[in-house]
Amino acid sequence: MPIMSTLFRGLIHAGDTPLALTITVEQTGPMQLTVHAGSFTTTGQARIRGYDAARHEALIKAGDAEMLLDGQRVRIWINAQKAQTYALAADQVIDLTSDPLKPVVYDLDLISDGTQTDVLVKRKIVGVEEYGDVPPGWMKVHELLFEFTLPPGCVDVTPIDICALTVKPGFPSGTGPEDWAMQTRGA
């Protein structure tokens, strides 16, 4: 199975954020990938602070902050940029094609127009052709599959490492909120 995630190559932990992903990608044929329906929740823009009822209760009531599960800290949204969930409603089958003479580079992005969510397939043969621009009125939400290269004449992607976005809840084993910035290199 060529689709994988490792730290710094697609695998991230949500930490104290609402970040979540249920969209998955699997190889369903020698030159075929299927993106399975699911959702992606962004982190939004927030700061996490120790809870102080006098300072934070009004923000929570106004919807500008939320109490974290531990009941001791709050997430305060910055400039109303709250976490947002994008739902991919149906599976999408992606048929990959190689070139007989040149490498072909692919990557897949999750995109949205604010009401719909879709998968954008970006494909390029360097110096020959490229496609996969975000359509007008749409925006890139996040990469689902990071760039991978099909060698010339490729007929099966099985031996090719394809890195996919994977979000695990919470913190990596052995870490917590206090050392999360250090563990993720400040991410």
N, C-alpha and C. Protein backbone atom coordinates (compact mmCIF):
# COMPACT_ATOMS: atom_id res chain seq x y z
N MET A 1 0.84 -1.18 0.00
CA MET A 1 0.00 0.00 0.00
C MET A 1 0.89 1.24 0.00
N PRO A 2 0.84 2.05 -1.02
CA PRO A 2 1.75 3.18 -1.12
C PRO A 2 1.32 4.40 -0.31
N ILE A 3 0.09 4.46 0.16
CA ILE A 3 -0.37 5.66 0.83
C ILE A 3 -0.02 5.58 2.31
N MET A 4 0.72 6.59 2.78
CA MET A 4 1.27 6.55 4.12
C MET A 4 1.29 7.95 4.72
N SER A 5 1.54 8.02 6.00
CA SER A 5 1.75 9.29 6.69
C SER A 5 2.78 9.05 7.78
N THR A 6 3.73 9.94 7.85
CA THR A 6 4.70 9.91 8.94
C THR A 6 4.89 11.34 9.41
N LEU A 7 5.48 11.52 10.57
CA LEU A 7 5.73 12.85 11.10
C LEU A 7 6.53 13.64 10.08
N PHE A 8 6.11 14.84 9.79
CA PHE A 8 6.69 15.76 8.81
C PHE A 8 6.41 15.34 7.37
N ARG A 9 5.63 14.28 7.16
CA ARG A 9 5.23 13.85 5.81
C ARG A 9 3.75 13.47 5.83
N GLY A 10 2.92 14.39 6.35
CA GLY A 10 1.48 14.19 6.33
C GLY A 10 0.83 13.92 7.66
N LEU A 11 1.55 13.36 8.61
CA LEU A 11 0.97 13.02 9.91
C LEU A 11 1.07 14.20 10.86
N ILE A 12 -0.08 14.64 11.38
CA ILE A 12 -0.09 15.69 12.38
C ILE A 12 -1.05 15.31 13.50
N HIS A 13 -0.85 15.90 14.65
CA HIS A 13 -1.74 15.71 15.79
C HIS A 13 -2.52 16.99 16.01
N ALA A 14 -3.75 16.87 16.44
CA ALA A 14 -4.61 18.04 16.62
C ALA A 14 -4.21 18.88 17.83
N GLY A 15 -3.56 18.26 18.80
CA GLY A 15 -3.20 19.00 20.00
C GLY A 15 -4.44 19.54 20.69
N ASP A 16 -4.43 20.83 21.01
CA ASP A 16 -5.57 21.49 21.66
C ASP A 16 -6.50 22.15 20.64
N THR A 17 -6.33 21.86 19.38
CA THR A 17 -7.14 22.51 18.34
C THR A 17 -8.31 21.61 17.95
N PRO A 18 -9.29 22.15 17.23
CA PRO A 18 -10.40 21.33 16.74
C PRO A 18 -10.05 20.56 15.46
N LEU A 19 -8.81 20.65 15.01
CA LEU A 19 -8.38 20.00 13.77
C LEU A 19 -8.79 18.53 13.75
N ALA A 20 -9.44 18.11 12.66
CA ALA A 20 -9.87 16.72 12.52
C ALA A 20 -10.03 16.39 11.04
N LEU A 21 -9.83 15.12 10.70
CA LEU A 21 -9.95 14.66 9.32
C LEU A 21 -10.51 13.25 9.30
N THR A 22 -11.60 13.05 8.56
CA THR A 22 -12.13 11.70 8.36
C THR A 22 -12.06 11.29 6.90
N ILE A 23 -11.61 12.18 6.02
CA ILE A 23 -11.42 11.84 4.61
C ILE A 23 -10.19 10.95 4.50
N THR A 24 -10.32 9.85 3.79
CA THR A 24 -9.18 8.95 3.59
C THR A 24 -8.99 8.71 2.10
N VAL A 25 -7.79 8.27 1.75
CA VAL A 25 -7.47 7.95 0.36
C VAL A 25 -6.86 6.56 0.34
N GLU A 26 -7.31 5.74 -0.61
CA GLU A 26 -6.71 4.42 -0.75
C GLU A 26 -6.48 4.10 -2.22
N GLN A 27 -5.54 3.22 -2.46
CA GLN A 27 -5.31 2.75 -3.82
C GLN A 27 -6.37 1.69 -4.11
N THR A 28 -7.12 1.88 -5.20
CA THR A 28 -8.20 0.95 -5.54
C THR A 28 -7.98 0.27 -6.88
N GLY A 29 -6.85 0.49 -7.48
CA GLY A 29 -6.48 -0.16 -8.74
C GLY A 29 -5.01 0.14 -8.98
N PRO A 30 -4.39 -0.50 -9.98
CA PRO A 30 -2.97 -0.26 -10.23
C PRO A 30 -2.63 1.21 -10.45
N MET A 31 -3.54 1.95 -11.13
CA MET A 31 -3.31 3.37 -11.41
C MET A 31 -4.53 4.17 -10.97
N GLN A 32 -5.10 3.78 -9.84
CA GLN A 32 -6.33 4.42 -9.38
C GLN A 32 -6.30 4.65 -7.88
N LEU A 33 -6.75 5.84 -7.49
CA LEU A 33 -6.90 6.18 -6.08
C LEU A 33 -8.35 6.56 -5.85
N THR A 34 -8.87 6.25 -4.67
CA THR A 34 -10.22 6.67 -4.30
C THR A 34 -10.13 7.53 -3.05
N VAL A 35 -10.69 8.73 -3.17
CA VAL A 35 -10.80 9.64 -2.03
C VAL A 35 -12.17 9.37 -1.43
N HIS A 36 -12.19 8.90 -0.19
CA HIS A 36 -13.45 8.53 0.46
C HIS A 36 -14.08 9.75 1.15
N ALA A 37 -15.39 9.84 1.03
CA ALA A 37 -16.15 10.93 1.62
C ALA A 37 -15.83 11.05 3.11
N GLY A 38 -15.90 12.26 3.60
CA GLY A 38 -15.65 12.52 5.01
C GLY A 38 -15.59 14.01 5.23
N SER A 39 -14.92 14.42 6.29
CA SER A 39 -14.86 15.85 6.59
C SER A 39 -13.46 16.25 7.05
N PHE A 40 -13.22 17.54 6.94
CA PHE A 40 -11.97 18.14 7.41
C PHE A 40 -12.36 19.37 8.22
N THR A 41 -11.91 19.45 9.47
CA THR A 41 -12.17 20.60 10.32
C THR A 41 -10.86 21.35 10.52
N THR A 42 -10.87 22.63 10.17
CA THR A 42 -9.68 23.46 10.30
C THR A 42 -9.46 23.86 11.75
N THR A 43 -8.29 24.39 12.01
CA THR A 43 -7.97 24.83 13.38
C THR A 43 -8.57 26.18 13.70
N GLY A 44 -8.78 27.01 12.69
CA GLY A 44 -9.17 28.39 12.95
C GLY A 44 -7.98 29.16 13.50
N GLN A 45 -8.20 30.40 13.88
CA GLN A 45 -7.15 31.24 14.46
C GLN A 45 -7.52 31.49 15.92
N ALA A 46 -6.74 30.97 16.83
CA ALA A 46 -7.09 31.11 18.24
C ALA A 46 -5.86 31.14 19.12
N ARG A 47 -6.09 31.63 20.34
CA ARG A 47 -5.08 31.57 21.39
C ARG A 47 -5.70 30.78 22.54
N ILE A 48 -4.87 30.03 23.22
CA ILE A 48 -5.35 29.27 24.37
C ILE A 48 -4.79 29.93 25.63
N ARG A 49 -5.69 30.20 26.54
CA ARG A 49 -5.31 30.89 27.78
C ARG A 49 -5.90 30.15 28.97
N GLY A 50 -5.27 30.33 30.13
CA GLY A 50 -5.84 29.81 31.37
C GLY A 50 -7.16 30.50 31.63
N TYR A 51 -8.16 29.74 32.09
CA TYR A 51 -9.50 30.27 32.29
C TYR A 51 -9.55 31.23 33.46
N ASP A 52 -10.12 32.40 33.20
CA ASP A 52 -10.36 33.41 34.21
C ASP A 52 -11.81 33.86 33.97
N ALA A 53 -12.71 33.48 34.87
CA ALA A 53 -14.14 33.74 34.67
C ALA A 53 -14.42 35.22 34.38
N ALA A 54 -13.78 36.11 35.10
CA ALA A 54 -14.03 37.54 34.91
C ALA A 54 -13.65 38.00 33.51
N ARG A 55 -12.61 37.43 32.97
CA ARG A 55 -12.13 37.86 31.65
C ARG A 55 -12.76 37.07 30.51
N HIS A 56 -13.15 35.83 30.75
CA HIS A 56 -13.52 34.97 29.62
C HIS A 56 -14.99 34.60 29.51
N GLU A 57 -15.75 34.74 30.59
CA GLU A 57 -17.15 34.29 30.55
C GLU A 57 -17.97 35.03 29.48
N ALA A 58 -17.78 36.34 29.35
CA ALA A 58 -18.52 37.11 28.34
C ALA A 58 -18.12 36.68 26.93
N LEU A 59 -16.84 36.38 26.72
CA LEU A 59 -16.38 35.91 25.40
C LEU A 59 -17.00 34.56 25.06
N ILE A 60 -17.10 33.68 26.05
CA ILE A 60 -17.71 32.36 25.83
C ILE A 60 -19.19 32.53 25.48
N LYS A 61 -19.90 33.37 26.21
CA LYS A 61 -21.33 33.60 25.94
C LYS A 61 -21.54 34.21 24.56
N ALA A 62 -20.62 35.04 24.10
CA ALA A 62 -20.75 35.69 22.79
C ALA A 62 -20.31 34.76 21.65
N GLY A 63 -19.75 33.61 22.01
CA GLY A 63 -19.29 32.68 20.97
C GLY A 63 -17.90 33.02 20.44
N ASP A 64 -17.19 33.92 21.12
CA ASP A 64 -15.86 34.31 20.70
C ASP A 64 -14.76 33.51 21.40
N ALA A 65 -15.18 32.61 22.28
CA ALA A 65 -14.24 31.73 22.98
C ALA A 65 -15.00 30.46 23.36
N GLU A 66 -14.23 29.43 23.68
CA GLU A 66 -14.86 28.18 24.15
C GLU A 66 -13.97 27.55 25.20
N MET A 67 -14.61 26.89 26.14
CA MET A 67 -13.90 26.20 27.21
C MET A 67 -13.32 24.91 26.65
N LEU A 68 -12.08 24.62 27.00
CA LEU A 68 -11.47 23.35 26.60
C LEU A 68 -11.94 22.25 27.55
N LEU A 69 -11.74 21.02 27.12
CA LEU A 69 -12.27 19.88 27.87
C LEU A 69 -11.76 19.79 29.31
N ASP A 70 -10.55 20.30 29.55
CA ASP A 70 -10.01 20.21 30.91
C ASP A 70 -10.68 21.19 31.88
N GLY A 71 -11.50 22.12 31.36
CA GLY A 71 -12.21 23.08 32.21
C GLY A 71 -11.32 24.13 32.83
N GLN A 72 -10.04 24.14 32.45
CA GLN A 72 -9.10 25.09 33.04
C GLN A 72 -8.55 26.09 32.02
N ARG A 73 -8.81 25.82 30.75
CA ARG A 73 -8.29 26.70 29.70
C ARG A 73 -9.40 27.02 28.71
N VAL A 74 -9.23 28.16 28.01
CA VAL A 74 -10.20 28.57 26.99
C VAL A 74 -9.47 28.79 25.66
N ARG A 75 -10.20 28.54 24.59
CA ARG A 75 -9.73 28.85 23.24
C ARG A 75 -10.42 30.15 22.85
N ILE A 76 -9.65 31.21 22.59
CA ILE A 76 -10.20 32.51 22.23
C ILE A 76 -9.95 32.71 20.74
N TRP A 77 -11.04 32.87 19.99
CA TRP A 77 -10.94 33.02 18.54
C TRP A 77 -10.41 34.41 18.21
N ILE A 78 -9.48 34.49 17.27
CA ILE A 78 -8.87 35.75 16.85
C ILE A 78 -9.59 36.22 15.59
N ASN A 79 -10.04 37.45 15.60
CA ASN A 79 -10.71 38.06 14.43
C ASN A 79 -11.83 37.18 13.88
N ALA A 80 -12.55 36.50 14.75
CA ALA A 80 -13.70 35.67 14.38
C ALA A 80 -13.34 34.57 13.38
N GLN A 81 -12.07 34.17 13.33
CA GLN A 81 -11.65 33.09 12.43
C GLN A 81 -11.75 31.76 13.17
N LYS A 82 -12.99 31.28 13.28
CA LYS A 82 -13.25 30.04 14.00
C LYS A 82 -12.93 28.83 13.14
N ALA A 83 -12.82 27.70 13.79
CA ALA A 83 -12.65 26.44 13.07
C ALA A 83 -13.85 26.25 12.14
N GLN A 84 -13.59 25.65 10.99
CA GLN A 84 -14.66 25.41 10.02
C GLN A 84 -14.55 23.98 9.52
N THR A 85 -15.70 23.36 9.30
CA THR A 85 -15.71 21.98 8.80
C THR A 85 -16.16 21.96 7.35
N TYR A 86 -15.39 21.25 6.53
CA TYR A 86 -15.69 21.06 5.11
C TYR A 86 -16.02 19.59 4.92
N ALA A 87 -17.16 19.31 4.30
CA ALA A 87 -17.60 17.92 4.11
C ALA A 87 -17.53 17.54 2.65
N LEU A 88 -16.80 16.47 2.37
CA LEU A 88 -16.76 15.88 1.04
C LEU A 88 -17.88 14.85 1.01
N ALA A 89 -18.92 15.11 0.21
CA ALA A 89 -20.15 14.33 0.28
C ALA A 89 -20.08 12.95 -0.35
N ALA A 90 -19.23 12.76 -1.34
CA ALA A 90 -19.20 11.47 -2.04
C ALA A 90 -17.76 11.06 -2.34
N ASP A 91 -17.55 9.75 -2.44
CA ASP A 91 -16.25 9.23 -2.85
C ASP A 91 -15.90 9.76 -4.23
N GLN A 92 -14.61 9.96 -4.47
CA GLN A 92 -14.15 10.38 -5.79
C GLN A 92 -13.04 9.45 -6.24
N VAL A 93 -13.20 8.93 -7.44
CA VAL A 93 -12.20 8.03 -8.02
C VAL A 93 -11.27 8.84 -8.91
N ILE A 94 -9.97 8.69 -8.70
CA ILE A 94 -8.96 9.42 -9.46
C ILE A 94 -8.16 8.40 -10.27
N ASP A 95 -8.26 8.51 -11.59
CA ASP A 95 -7.46 7.65 -12.48
C ASP A 95 -6.18 8.39 -12.83
N LEU A 96 -5.05 7.78 -12.50
CA LEU A 96 -3.75 8.38 -12.76
C LEU A 96 -3.22 7.91 -14.11
N THR A 97 -2.53 8.80 -14.80
CA THR A 97 -1.90 8.42 -16.08
C THR A 97 -0.45 8.86 -16.06
N SER A 98 0.40 8.03 -16.59
CA SER A 98 1.81 8.38 -16.68
C SER A 98 2.10 8.84 -18.12
N ASP A 99 3.30 9.28 -18.34
CA ASP A 99 3.77 9.66 -19.67
C ASP A 99 4.85 8.65 -20.06
N PRO A 100 4.91 8.26 -21.33
CA PRO A 100 5.91 7.26 -21.70
C PRO A 100 7.36 7.74 -21.57
N LEU A 101 7.58 9.07 -21.62
CA LEU A 101 8.95 9.56 -21.65
C LEU A 101 9.35 10.47 -20.49
N LYS A 102 8.38 11.08 -19.82
CA LYS A 102 8.71 12.06 -18.77
C LYS A 102 8.00 11.73 -17.47
N PRO A 103 8.60 12.10 -16.35
CA PRO A 103 7.91 11.93 -15.07
C PRO A 103 6.66 12.80 -15.00
N VAL A 104 5.67 12.33 -14.28
CA VAL A 104 4.43 13.07 -14.07
C VAL A 104 4.26 13.28 -12.57
N VAL A 105 4.01 14.53 -12.19
CA VAL A 105 3.85 14.89 -10.78
C VAL A 105 2.37 15.14 -10.50
N TYR A 106 1.87 14.52 -9.43
CA TYR A 106 0.48 14.70 -8.99
C TYR A 106 0.46 15.21 -7.56
N ASP A 107 -0.60 15.92 -7.21
CA ASP A 107 -0.99 16.11 -5.82
C ASP A 107 -2.48 16.42 -5.80
N LEU A 108 -3.12 16.16 -4.67
CA LEU A 108 -4.56 16.35 -4.53
C LEU A 108 -4.84 17.32 -3.40
N ASP A 109 -5.72 18.29 -3.67
CA ASP A 109 -6.10 19.29 -2.68
C ASP A 109 -7.59 19.21 -2.39
N LEU A 110 -7.95 19.53 -1.18
CA LEU A 110 -9.35 19.72 -0.82
C LEU A 110 -9.66 21.18 -1.09
N ILE A 111 -10.74 21.46 -1.84
CA ILE A 111 -11.11 22.83 -2.18
C ILE A 111 -12.57 23.08 -1.83
N SER A 112 -12.94 24.35 -1.69
CA SER A 112 -14.32 24.69 -1.35
C SER A 112 -14.69 26.03 -1.96
N ASP A 113 -15.99 26.17 -2.27
CA ASP A 113 -16.51 27.47 -2.71
C ASP A 113 -17.36 28.10 -1.62
N GLY A 114 -17.31 27.56 -0.43
CA GLY A 114 -18.09 28.07 0.70
C GLY A 114 -19.36 27.28 0.95
N THR A 115 -19.87 26.61 -0.11
CA THR A 115 -21.06 25.78 0.05
C THR A 115 -20.80 24.33 -0.33
N GLN A 116 -19.86 24.12 -1.22
CA GLN A 116 -19.51 22.76 -1.67
C GLN A 116 -18.04 22.50 -1.40
N THR A 117 -17.70 21.23 -1.26
CA THR A 117 -16.32 20.81 -1.09
C THR A 117 -16.02 19.78 -2.16
N ASP A 118 -14.81 19.84 -2.71
CA ASP A 118 -14.43 18.95 -3.81
C ASP A 118 -12.95 18.61 -3.70
N VAL A 119 -12.50 17.71 -4.56
CA VAL A 119 -11.09 17.35 -4.64
C VAL A 119 -10.54 17.91 -5.94
N LEU A 120 -9.43 18.62 -5.85
CA LEU A 120 -8.75 19.15 -7.02
C LEU A 120 -7.53 18.28 -7.30
N VAL A 121 -7.48 17.72 -8.50
CA VAL A 121 -6.33 16.92 -8.92
C VAL A 121 -5.39 17.83 -9.69
N LYS A 122 -4.16 17.94 -9.21
CA LYS A 122 -3.15 18.72 -9.92
C LYS A 122 -2.16 17.74 -10.54
N ARG A 123 -1.92 17.92 -11.84
CA ARG A 123 -1.04 17.03 -12.59
C ARG A 123 -0.13 17.87 -13.46
N LYS A 124 1.14 17.52 -13.50
CA LYS A 124 2.03 18.26 -14.39
C LYS A 124 3.12 17.36 -14.95
N ILE A 125 3.36 17.58 -16.22
CA ILE A 125 4.54 17.03 -16.89
C ILE A 125 5.40 18.26 -17.14
N VAL A 126 6.47 18.38 -16.43
CA VAL A 126 7.27 19.60 -16.44
C VAL A 126 7.65 19.98 -17.87
N GLY A 127 7.33 21.23 -18.22
CA GLY A 127 7.66 21.75 -19.53
C GLY A 127 6.72 21.31 -20.65
N VAL A 128 5.74 20.47 -20.34
CA VAL A 128 4.84 19.97 -21.38
C VAL A 128 3.41 20.41 -21.11
N GLU A 129 2.87 20.04 -19.95
CA GLU A 129 1.49 20.40 -19.63
C GLU A 129 1.31 20.45 -18.12
N GLU A 130 0.36 21.24 -17.71
CA GLU A 130 -0.02 21.31 -16.30
C GLU A 130 -1.51 21.55 -16.23
N TYR A 131 -2.18 20.94 -15.27
CA TYR A 131 -3.55 21.31 -15.00
C TYR A 131 -3.84 21.13 -13.53
N GLY A 132 -4.91 21.78 -13.11
CA GLY A 132 -5.30 21.67 -11.72
C GLY A 132 -5.32 22.99 -10.98
N ASP A 133 -5.63 24.09 -11.67
CA ASP A 133 -5.76 25.37 -10.98
C ASP A 133 -7.06 25.40 -10.20
N VAL A 134 -7.05 26.08 -9.07
CA VAL A 134 -8.26 26.25 -8.28
C VAL A 134 -9.24 27.09 -9.11
N PRO A 135 -10.47 26.60 -9.30
CA PRO A 135 -11.44 27.35 -10.11
C PRO A 135 -11.78 28.70 -9.48
N PRO A 136 -12.15 29.68 -10.30
CA PRO A 136 -12.55 30.98 -9.76
C PRO A 136 -13.70 30.81 -8.75
N GLY A 137 -13.62 31.53 -7.65
CA GLY A 137 -14.66 31.45 -6.62
C GLY A 137 -14.43 30.33 -5.61
N TRP A 138 -13.43 29.50 -5.84
CA TRP A 138 -13.10 28.42 -4.92
C TRP A 138 -11.80 28.76 -4.21
N MET A 139 -11.53 28.07 -3.11
CA MET A 139 -10.27 28.25 -2.40
C MET A 139 -9.71 26.89 -1.99
N LYS A 140 -8.41 26.86 -1.90
CA LYS A 140 -7.76 25.65 -1.41
C LYS A 140 -7.94 25.60 0.10
N VAL A 141 -8.42 24.46 0.61
CA VAL A 141 -8.58 24.27 2.04
C VAL A 141 -7.32 23.63 2.62
N HIS A 142 -6.88 22.52 2.01
CA HIS A 142 -5.67 21.85 2.47
C HIS A 142 -5.29 20.76 1.47
N GLU A 143 -4.01 20.39 1.49
CA GLU A 143 -3.58 19.26 0.67
C GLU A 143 -4.09 17.96 1.29
N LEU A 144 -4.54 17.04 0.46
CA LEU A 144 -4.92 15.71 0.91
C LEU A 144 -3.78 14.72 0.63
N LEU A 145 -3.24 14.79 -0.58
CA LEU A 145 -2.05 14.01 -0.94
C LEU A 145 -0.97 14.99 -1.35
N PHE A 146 0.22 14.80 -0.82
CA PHE A 146 1.32 15.68 -1.13
C PHE A 146 1.98 15.20 -2.43
N GLU A 147 2.72 16.09 -3.09
CA GLU A 147 3.29 15.76 -4.40
C GLU A 147 3.94 14.39 -4.42
N PHE A 148 3.62 13.62 -5.46
CA PHE A 148 4.30 12.35 -5.71
C PHE A 148 4.54 12.26 -7.20
N THR A 149 5.56 11.51 -7.58
CA THR A 149 5.99 11.45 -8.98
C THR A 149 5.84 10.05 -9.54
N LEU A 150 5.18 9.98 -10.70
CA LEU A 150 5.10 8.72 -11.45
C LEU A 150 6.27 8.70 -12.42
N PRO A 151 7.09 7.66 -12.41
CA PRO A 151 8.19 7.60 -13.37
C PRO A 151 7.65 7.37 -14.79
N PRO A 152 8.45 7.67 -15.81
CA PRO A 152 7.99 7.44 -17.18
C PRO A 152 7.51 6.00 -17.37
N GLY A 153 6.37 5.86 -18.04
CA GLY A 153 5.82 4.54 -18.35
C GLY A 153 5.23 3.79 -17.17
N CYS A 154 5.02 4.44 -16.04
CA CYS A 154 4.48 3.80 -14.84
C CYS A 154 3.11 3.16 -15.14
N VAL A 155 2.94 1.91 -14.70
CA VAL A 155 1.66 1.22 -14.89
C VAL A 155 1.04 0.76 -13.56
N ASP A 156 1.76 1.02 -12.45
CA ASP A 156 1.25 0.62 -11.14
C ASP A 156 1.89 1.51 -10.07
N VAL A 157 1.06 2.19 -9.27
CA VAL A 157 1.59 3.09 -8.25
C VAL A 157 1.94 2.38 -6.94
N THR A 158 1.71 1.09 -6.87
CA THR A 158 1.96 0.35 -5.63
C THR A 158 3.35 0.59 -5.03
N PRO A 159 4.42 0.59 -5.82
CA PRO A 159 5.74 0.79 -5.19
C PRO A 159 6.09 2.24 -4.89
N ILE A 160 5.21 3.18 -5.21
CA ILE A 160 5.51 4.60 -5.03
C ILE A 160 4.96 5.05 -3.67
N ASP A 161 5.81 5.71 -2.87
CA ASP A 161 5.36 6.27 -1.60
C ASP A 161 4.51 7.51 -1.88
N ILE A 162 3.28 7.49 -1.39
CA ILE A 162 2.38 8.62 -1.54
C ILE A 162 2.01 9.06 -0.12
N CYS A 163 2.34 10.31 0.21
CA CYS A 163 2.09 10.82 1.56
C CYS A 163 0.73 11.52 1.60
N ALA A 164 -0.09 11.10 2.55
CA ALA A 164 -1.43 11.63 2.71
C ALA A 164 -1.54 12.38 4.03
N LEU A 165 -2.41 13.38 4.03
CA LEU A 165 -2.71 14.09 5.27
C LEU A 165 -3.44 13.14 6.22
N THR A 166 -2.95 13.05 7.44
CA THR A 166 -3.58 12.25 8.48
C THR A 166 -3.56 13.08 9.76
N VAL A 167 -4.72 13.22 10.39
CA VAL A 167 -4.81 13.98 11.64
C VAL A 167 -5.20 13.01 12.75
N LYS A 168 -4.35 12.95 13.76
CA LYS A 168 -4.67 12.16 14.95
C LYS A 168 -5.10 13.11 16.06
N PRO A 169 -6.06 12.70 16.88
CA PRO A 169 -6.51 13.59 17.95
C PRO A 169 -5.45 13.74 19.03
N GLY A 170 -5.55 14.82 19.77
CA GLY A 170 -4.70 15.02 20.93
C GLY A 170 -3.24 15.28 20.58
N PHE A 171 -2.39 14.85 21.47
CA PHE A 171 -0.96 15.10 21.37
C PHE A 171 -0.23 13.79 21.08
N PRO A 172 0.97 13.88 20.50
CA PRO A 172 1.76 12.66 20.32
C PRO A 172 2.06 12.04 21.67
N SER A 173 2.28 10.75 21.68
CA SER A 173 2.60 10.03 22.91
C SER A 173 3.75 10.70 23.64
N GLY A 174 3.55 10.92 24.93
CA GLY A 174 4.61 11.50 25.74
C GLY A 174 4.66 13.01 25.72
N THR A 175 3.71 13.66 25.07
CA THR A 175 3.71 15.12 25.03
C THR A 175 2.36 15.64 25.49
N GLY A 176 2.33 16.90 25.80
CA GLY A 176 1.09 17.55 26.21
C GLY A 176 1.12 19.00 25.81
N PRO A 177 0.14 19.77 26.25
CA PRO A 177 0.05 21.17 25.86
C PRO A 177 1.31 21.97 26.15
N GLU A 178 1.97 21.66 27.26
CA GLU A 178 3.13 22.46 27.66
C GLU A 178 4.33 22.31 26.73
N ASP A 179 4.46 21.19 26.04
CA ASP A 179 5.63 21.04 25.16
C ASP A 179 5.24 20.83 23.70
N TRP A 180 3.98 21.11 23.36
CA TRP A 180 3.49 20.88 21.99
C TRP A 180 4.24 21.73 20.97
N ALA A 181 4.47 23.00 21.24
CA ALA A 181 5.15 23.88 20.28
C ALA A 181 6.56 23.36 20.00
N MET A 182 7.25 22.86 21.03
CA MET A 182 8.59 22.33 20.83
C MET A 182 8.54 21.05 19.98
N GLN A 183 7.59 20.16 20.25
CA GLN A 183 7.50 18.89 19.54
C GLN A 183 7.16 19.07 18.07
N THR A 184 6.43 20.10 17.75
CA THR A 184 5.99 20.29 16.36
C THR A 184 6.82 21.36 15.65
N ARG A 185 7.91 21.73 16.27
CA ARG A 185 8.76 22.79 15.71
C ARG A 185 7.97 24.08 15.53
N GLY A 186 7.10 24.35 16.48
CA GLY A 186 6.37 25.60 16.48
C GLY A 186 5.14 25.62 15.61
N ALA A 187 4.72 24.46 15.06
CA ALA A 187 3.56 24.45 14.18
C ALA A 187 2.30 24.80 14.91
